[in-house]
Amino acid sequence: MTTESPRWFKSSYSSNGGQCVEIAANLAVSRGVVPVRDSKDLRGPVLEIPTHAFTSFVTGIKDAEFGAI
């Protein structure tokens, strides 16, 4: 088991509008998950998304599979 701590990252596309999430991609290889949290609540809950699911989600966004916003 690894004791590596999450290194949180917020997208450079974030405009600080208060609707952002942060991810800790550094844990994808060692733990097989991508932790995700609300950037406004740093002590709040963290979702641990399996790496394959997170990759599929990001690919879907890039391919506009979820429609226009």
PDB file of N, CA and C in Angstrom:
ATOM      1  N   MET A   1       0.837  -1.187   0.000  1.00  0.00           N
ATOM      2  CA  MET A   1       0.000   0.000   0.000  1.00  0.00           C
ATOM      3  C   MET A   1       0.875   1.242   0.000  1.00  0.00           C
ATOM      4  N   THR A   2       0.476   2.213  -0.769  1.00  0.00           N
ATOM      5  CA  THR A   2       1.244   3.445  -0.869  1.00  0.00           C
ATOM      6  C   THR A   2       0.773   4.480   0.153  1.00  0.00           C
ATOM      7  N   THR A   3       1.689   5.304   0.586  1.00  0.00           N
ATOM      8  CA  THR A   3       1.336   6.380   1.505  1.00  0.00           C
ATOM      9  C   THR A   3       1.416   7.737   0.812  1.00  0.00           C
ATOM     10  N   GLU A   4       1.488   7.692  -0.499  1.00  0.00           N
ATOM     11  CA  GLU A   4       1.577   8.923  -1.280  1.00  0.00           C
ATOM     12  C   GLU A   4       0.340   9.790  -1.055  1.00  0.00           C
ATOM     13  N   SER A   5       0.559  11.078  -0.853  1.00  0.00           N
ATOM     14  CA  SER A   5      -0.534  12.024  -0.640  1.00  0.00           C
ATOM     15  C   SER A   5      -1.013  12.594  -1.964  1.00  0.00           C
ATOM     16  N   PRO A   6      -2.292  12.945  -2.034  1.00  0.00           N
ATOM     17  CA  PRO A   6      -2.800  13.555  -3.267  1.00  0.00           C
ATOM     18  C   PRO A   6      -2.144  14.912  -3.514  1.00  0.00           C
ATOM     19  N   ARG A   7      -1.815  15.166  -4.770  1.00  0.00           N
ATOM     20  CA  ARG A   7      -1.343  16.494  -5.190  1.00  0.00           C
ATOM     21  C   ARG A   7      -2.481  17.089  -6.015  1.00  0.00           C
ATOM     22  N   TRP A   8      -3.242  17.962  -5.395  1.00  0.00           N
ATOM     23  CA  TRP A   8      -4.462  18.498  -6.005  1.00  0.00           C
ATOM     24  C   TRP A   8      -4.140  19.481  -7.121  1.00  0.00           C
ATOM     25  N   PHE A   9      -4.958  19.430  -8.169  1.00  0.00           N
ATOM     26  CA  PHE A   9      -4.768  20.232  -9.373  1.00  0.00           C
ATOM     27  C   PHE A   9      -6.128  20.745  -9.837  1.00  0.00           C
ATOM     28  N   LYS A  10      -6.182  22.028 -10.122  1.00  0.00           N
ATOM     29  CA  LYS A  10      -7.388  22.620 -10.696  1.00  0.00           C
ATOM     30  C   LYS A  10      -7.058  23.062 -12.120  1.00  0.00           C
ATOM     31  N   SER A  11      -7.931  22.819 -13.041  1.00  0.00           N
ATOM     32  CA  SER A  11      -7.698  23.122 -14.449  1.00  0.00           C
ATOM     33  C   SER A  11      -7.350  24.590 -14.668  1.00  0.00           C
ATOM     34  N   SER A  12      -6.465  24.818 -15.614  1.00  0.00           N
ATOM     35  CA  SER A  12      -6.134  26.204 -15.988  1.00  0.00           C
ATOM     36  C   SER A  12      -7.302  26.870 -16.694  1.00  0.00           C
ATOM     37  N   TYR A  13      -8.298  26.083 -17.122  1.00  0.00           N
ATOM     38  CA  TYR A  13      -9.496  26.634 -17.740  1.00  0.00           C
ATOM     39  C   TYR A  13     -10.471  27.182 -16.705  1.00  0.00           C
ATOM     40  N   SER A  14     -10.210  26.920 -15.453  1.00  0.00           N
ATOM     41  CA  SER A  14     -11.075  27.399 -14.385  1.00  0.00           C
ATOM     42  C   SER A  14     -11.018  28.919 -14.322  1.00  0.00           C
ATOM     43  N   SER A  15     -12.174  29.528 -14.222  1.00  0.00           N
ATOM     44  CA  SER A  15     -12.212  30.997 -14.161  1.00  0.00           C
ATOM     45  C   SER A  15     -12.517  31.481 -12.752  1.00  0.00           C
ATOM     46  N   ASN A  16     -12.319  30.623 -11.752  1.00  0.00           N
ATOM     47  CA  ASN A  16     -12.596  30.955 -10.355  1.00  0.00           C
ATOM     48  C   ASN A  16     -14.025  31.425 -10.155  1.00  0.00           C
ATOM     49  N   GLY A  17     -14.949  30.811 -10.885  1.00  0.00           N
ATOM     50  CA  GLY A  17     -16.350  31.149 -10.754  1.00  0.00           C
ATOM     51  C   GLY A  17     -17.045  30.400  -9.636  1.00  0.00           C
ATOM     52  N   GLY A  18     -16.294  29.612  -8.879  1.00  0.00           N
ATOM     53  CA  GLY A  18     -16.866  28.906  -7.754  1.00  0.00           C
ATOM     54  C   GLY A  18     -17.507  27.578  -8.095  1.00  0.00           C
ATOM     55  N   GLN A  19     -17.375  27.116  -9.320  1.00  0.00           N
ATOM     56  CA  GLN A  19     -17.970  25.843  -9.725  1.00  0.00           C
ATOM     57  C   GLN A  19     -16.890  24.898 -10.239  1.00  0.00           C
ATOM     58  N   CYS A  20     -15.825  24.767  -9.477  1.00  0.00           N
ATOM     59  CA  CYS A  20     -14.671  23.998  -9.939  1.00  0.00           C
ATOM     60  C   CYS A  20     -14.478  22.739  -9.104  1.00  0.00           C
ATOM     61  N   VAL A  21     -13.823  21.789  -9.708  1.00  0.00           N
ATOM     62  CA  VAL A  21     -13.375  20.600  -8.997  1.00  0.00           C
ATOM     63  C   VAL A  21     -11.867  20.504  -9.145  1.00  0.00           C
ATOM     64  N   GLU A  22     -11.257  19.774  -8.244  1.00  0.00           N
ATOM     65  CA  GLU A  22      -9.834  19.502  -8.308  1.00  0.00           C
ATOM     66  C   GLU A  22      -9.653  17.992  -8.396  1.00  0.00           C
ATOM     67  N   ILE A  23      -8.580  17.587  -9.053  1.00  0.00           N
ATOM     68  CA  ILE A  23      -8.261  16.166  -9.143  1.00  0.00           C
ATOM     69  C   ILE A  23      -6.834  15.946  -8.646  1.00  0.00           C
ATOM     70  N   ALA A  24      -6.558  14.717  -8.266  1.00  0.00           N
ATOM     71  CA  ALA A  24      -5.208  14.330  -7.853  1.00  0.00           C
ATOM     72  C   ALA A  24      -4.760  13.181  -8.758  1.00  0.00           C
ATOM     73  N   ALA A  25      -4.337  13.544  -9.960  1.00  0.00           N
ATOM     74  CA  ALA A  25      -3.964  12.541 -10.965  1.00  0.00           C
ATOM     75  C   ALA A  25      -2.723  11.753 -10.572  1.00  0.00           C
ATOM     76  N   ASN A  26      -1.952  12.233  -9.620  1.00  0.00           N
ATOM     77  CA  ASN A  26      -0.729  11.523  -9.229  1.00  0.00           C
ATOM     78  C   ASN A  26      -1.018  10.162  -8.599  1.00  0.00           C
ATOM     79  N   LEU A  27      -2.253   9.891  -8.219  1.00  0.00           N
ATOM     80  CA  LEU A  27      -2.583   8.609  -7.603  1.00  0.00           C
ATOM     81  C   LEU A  27      -3.141   7.594  -8.598  1.00  0.00           C
ATOM     82  N   ALA A  28      -3.257   7.975  -9.859  1.00  0.00           N
ATOM     83  CA  ALA A  28      -3.858   7.085 -10.863  1.00  0.00           C
ATOM     84  C   ALA A  28      -3.076   5.783 -11.010  1.00  0.00           C
ATOM     85  N   VAL A  29      -1.779   5.856 -11.055  1.00  0.00           N
ATOM     86  CA  VAL A  29      -0.974   4.649 -11.253  1.00  0.00           C
ATOM     87  C   VAL A  29      -0.828   3.864  -9.949  1.00  0.00           C
ATOM     88  N   SER A  30      -0.497   4.540  -8.871  1.00  0.00           N
ATOM     89  CA  SER A  30      -0.212   3.832  -7.623  1.00  0.00           C
ATOM     90  C   SER A  30      -1.452   3.243  -6.949  1.00  0.00           C
ATOM     91  N   ARG A  31      -2.604   3.908  -7.081  1.00  0.00           N
ATOM     92  CA  ARG A  31      -3.822   3.434  -6.413  1.00  0.00           C
ATOM     93  C   ARG A  31      -4.928   3.002  -7.368  1.00  0.00           C
ATOM     94  N   GLY A  32      -4.785   3.359  -8.645  1.00  0.00           N
ATOM     95  CA  GLY A  32      -5.807   2.991  -9.623  1.00  0.00           C
ATOM     96  C   GLY A  32      -7.065   3.830  -9.543  1.00  0.00           C
ATOM     97  N   VAL A  33      -6.955   5.007  -8.903  1.00  0.00           N
ATOM     98  CA  VAL A  33      -8.094   5.916  -8.785  1.00  0.00           C
ATOM     99  C   VAL A  33      -7.645   7.341  -9.056  1.00  0.00           C
ATOM    100  N   VAL A  34      -8.622   8.184  -9.429  1.00  0.00           N
ATOM    101  CA  VAL A  34      -8.386   9.619  -9.552  1.00  0.00           C
ATOM    102  C   VAL A  34      -9.314  10.291  -8.543  1.00  0.00           C
ATOM    103  N   PRO A  35      -8.763  10.772  -7.415  1.00  0.00           N
ATOM    104  CA  PRO A  35      -9.586  11.469  -6.443  1.00  0.00           C
ATOM    105  C   PRO A  35     -10.080  12.802  -7.011  1.00  0.00           C
ATOM    106  N   VAL A  36     -11.338  13.133  -6.694  1.00  0.00           N
ATOM    107  CA  VAL A  36     -11.959  14.372  -7.158  1.00  0.00           C
ATOM    108  C   VAL A  36     -12.619  15.034  -5.958  1.00  0.00           C
ATOM    109  N   ARG A  37     -12.443  16.362  -5.826  1.00  0.00           N
ATOM    110  CA  ARG A  37     -13.084  17.091  -4.730  1.00  0.00           C
ATOM    111  C   ARG A  37     -13.560  18.450  -5.203  1.00  0.00           C
ATOM    112  N   ASP A  38     -14.453  19.041  -4.435  1.00  0.00           N
ATOM    113  CA  ASP A  38     -14.962  20.390  -4.683  1.00  0.00           C
ATOM    114  C   ASP A  38     -13.888  21.383  -4.250  1.00  0.00           C
ATOM    115  N   SER A  39     -13.518  22.293  -5.134  1.00  0.00           N
ATOM    116  CA  SER A  39     -12.450  23.239  -4.808  1.00  0.00           C
ATOM    117  C   SER A  39     -12.854  24.250  -3.740  1.00  0.00           C
ATOM    118  N   LYS A  40     -14.147  24.391  -3.465  1.00  0.00           N
ATOM    119  CA  LYS A  40     -14.602  25.316  -2.428  1.00  0.00           C
ATOM    120  C   LYS A  40     -14.602  24.680  -1.041  1.00  0.00           C
ATOM    121  N   ASP A  41     -14.566  23.361  -0.973  1.00  0.00           N
ATOM    122  CA  ASP A  41     -14.664  22.638   0.299  1.00  0.00           C
ATOM    123  C   ASP A  41     -13.502  21.662   0.410  1.00  0.00           C
ATOM    124  N   LEU A  42     -12.332  22.181   0.717  1.00  0.00           N
ATOM    125  CA  LEU A  42     -11.115  21.380   0.709  1.00  0.00           C
ATOM    126  C   LEU A  42     -11.097  20.285   1.767  1.00  0.00           C
ATOM    127  N   ARG A  43     -11.923  20.396   2.784  1.00  0.00           N
ATOM    128  CA  ARG A  43     -12.003  19.366   3.830  1.00  0.00           C
ATOM    129  C   ARG A  43     -13.227  18.485   3.643  1.00  0.00           C
ATOM    130  N   GLY A  44     -13.950  18.706   2.558  1.00  0.00           N
ATOM    131  CA  GLY A  44     -15.165  17.950   2.284  1.00  0.00           C
ATOM    132  C   GLY A  44     -14.870  16.576   1.718  1.00  0.00           C
ATOM    133  N   PRO A  45     -15.918  15.918   1.260  1.00  0.00           N
ATOM    134  CA  PRO A  45     -15.760  14.557   0.748  1.00  0.00           C
ATOM    135  C   PRO A  45     -14.919  14.505  -0.531  1.00  0.00           C
ATOM    136  N   VAL A  46     -14.300  13.370  -0.731  1.00  0.00           N
ATOM    137  CA  VAL A  46     -13.492  13.112  -1.923  1.00  0.00           C
ATOM    138  C   VAL A  46     -14.063  11.878  -2.612  1.00  0.00           C
ATOM    139  N   LEU A  47     -14.331  11.998  -3.900  1.00  0.00           N
ATOM    140  CA  LEU A  47     -14.758  10.854  -4.697  1.00  0.00           C
ATOM    141  C   LEU A  47     -13.511  10.205  -5.290  1.00  0.00           C
ATOM    142  N   GLU A  48     -13.408   8.899  -5.177  1.00  0.00           N
ATOM    143  CA  GLU A  48     -12.285   8.185  -5.782  1.00  0.00           C
ATOM    144  C   GLU A  48     -12.815   7.449  -7.007  1.00  0.00           C
ATOM    145  N   ILE A  49     -12.572   8.023  -8.175  1.00  0.00           N
ATOM    146  CA  ILE A  49     -13.061   7.494  -9.438  1.00  0.00           C
ATOM    147  C   ILE A  49     -12.029   6.506  -9.994  1.00  0.00           C
ATOM    148  N   PRO A  50     -12.439   5.286 -10.336  1.00  0.00           N
ATOM    149  CA  PRO A  50     -11.485   4.350 -10.951  1.00  0.00           C
ATOM    150  C   PRO A  50     -10.845   4.988 -12.195  1.00  0.00           C
ATOM    151  N   THR A  51      -9.566   4.741 -12.365  1.00  0.00           N
ATOM    152  CA  THR A  51      -8.817   5.368 -13.454  1.00  0.00           C
ATOM    153  C   THR A  51      -9.469   5.144 -14.814  1.00  0.00           C
ATOM    154  N   HIS A  52      -9.917   3.931 -15.103  1.00  0.00           N
ATOM    155  CA  HIS A  52     -10.526   3.647 -16.410  1.00  0.00           C
ATOM    156  C   HIS A  52     -11.813   4.451 -16.603  1.00  0.00           C
ATOM    157  N   ALA A  53     -12.591   4.641 -15.554  1.00  0.00           N
ATOM    158  CA  ALA A  53     -13.831   5.416 -15.658  1.00  0.00           C
ATOM    159  C   ALA A  53     -13.528   6.896 -15.870  1.00  0.00           C
ATOM    160  N   PHE A  54     -12.521   7.417 -15.162  1.00  0.00           N
ATOM    161  CA  PHE A  54     -12.156   8.824 -15.323  1.00  0.00           C
ATOM    162  C   PHE A  54     -11.637   9.080 -16.734  1.00  0.00           C
ATOM    163  N   THR A  55     -10.820   8.160 -17.249  1.00  0.00           N
ATOM    164  CA  THR A  55     -10.304   8.291 -18.617  1.00  0.00           C
ATOM    165  C   THR A  55     -11.445   8.298 -19.629  1.00  0.00           C
ATOM    166  N   SER A  56     -12.414   7.413 -19.457  1.00  0.00           N
ATOM    167  CA  SER A  56     -13.574   7.369 -20.357  1.00  0.00           C
ATOM    168  C   SER A  56     -14.371   8.662 -20.282  1.00  0.00           C
ATOM    169  N   PHE A  57     -14.540   9.208 -19.082  1.00  0.00           N
ATOM    170  CA  PHE A  57     -15.265  10.464 -18.898  1.00  0.00           C
ATOM    171  C   PHE A  57     -14.567  11.615 -19.625  1.00  0.00           C
ATOM    172  N   VAL A  58     -13.264  11.740 -19.438  1.00  0.00           N
ATOM    173  CA  VAL A  58     -12.509  12.825 -20.090  1.00  0.00           C
ATOM    174  C   VAL A  58     -12.559  12.663 -21.610  1.00  0.00           C
ATOM    175  N   THR A  59     -12.435  11.449 -22.102  1.00  0.00           N
ATOM    176  CA  THR A  59     -12.530  11.200 -23.541  1.00  0.00           C
ATOM    177  C   THR A  59     -13.905  11.608 -24.062  1.00  0.00           C
ATOM    178  N   GLY A  60     -14.947  11.283 -23.310  1.00  0.00           N
ATOM    179  CA  GLY A  60     -16.300  11.668 -23.692  1.00  0.00           C
ATOM    180  C   GLY A  60     -16.485  13.174 -23.764  1.00  0.00           C
ATOM    181  N   ILE A  61     -15.877  13.886 -22.830  1.00  0.00           N
ATOM    182  CA  ILE A  61     -15.952  15.359 -22.855  1.00  0.00           C
ATOM    183  C   ILE A  61     -15.242  15.879 -24.102  1.00  0.00           C
ATOM    184  N   LYS A  62     -14.049  15.391 -24.363  1.00  0.00           N
ATOM    185  CA  LYS A  62     -13.289  15.844 -25.530  1.00  0.00           C
ATOM    186  C   LYS A  62     -13.996  15.548 -26.829  1.00  0.00           C
ATOM    187  N   ASP A  63     -14.731  14.440 -26.888  1.00  0.00           N
ATOM    188  CA  ASP A  63     -15.451  14.049 -28.093  1.00  0.00           C
ATOM    189  C   ASP A  63     -16.870  14.613 -28.141  1.00  0.00           C
ATOM    190  N   ALA A  64     -17.211  15.500 -27.198  1.00  0.00           N
ATOM    191  CA  ALA A  64     -18.538  16.155 -27.127  1.00  0.00           C
ATOM    192  C   ALA A  64     -19.691  15.145 -27.049  1.00  0.00           C
ATOM    193  N   GLU A  65     -19.463  14.042 -26.362  1.00  0.00           N
ATOM    194  CA  GLU A  65     -20.494  13.018 -26.222  1.00  0.00           C
ATOM    195  C   GLU A  65     -21.626  13.442 -25.287  1.00  0.00           C
ATOM    196  N   PHE A  66     -21.431  14.462 -24.499  1.00  0.00           N
ATOM    197  CA  PHE A  66     -22.423  14.862 -23.521  1.00  0.00           C
ATOM    198  C   PHE A  66     -23.226  16.084 -23.961  1.00  0.00           C
ATOM    199  N   GLY A  67     -23.067  16.506 -25.194  1.00  0.00           N
ATOM    200  CA  GLY A  67     -23.805  17.648 -25.722  1.00  0.00           C
ATOM    201  C   GLY A  67     -23.165  18.964 -25.363  1.00  0.00           C
ATOM    202  N   ALA A  68     -23.690  20.004 -25.952  1.00  0.00           N
ATOM    203  CA  ALA A  68     -23.180  21.360 -25.730  1.00  0.00           C
ATOM    204  C   ALA A  68     -23.731  21.917 -24.423  1.00  0.00           C
ATOM    205  N   ILE A  69     -22.930  22.751 -23.809  1.00  0.00           N
ATOM    206  CA  ILE A  69     -23.363  23.403 -22.568  1.00  0.00           C
ATOM    207  C   ILE A  69     -23.877  24.780 -22.872  1.00  0.00           C
TER     208      ILE A  69
END
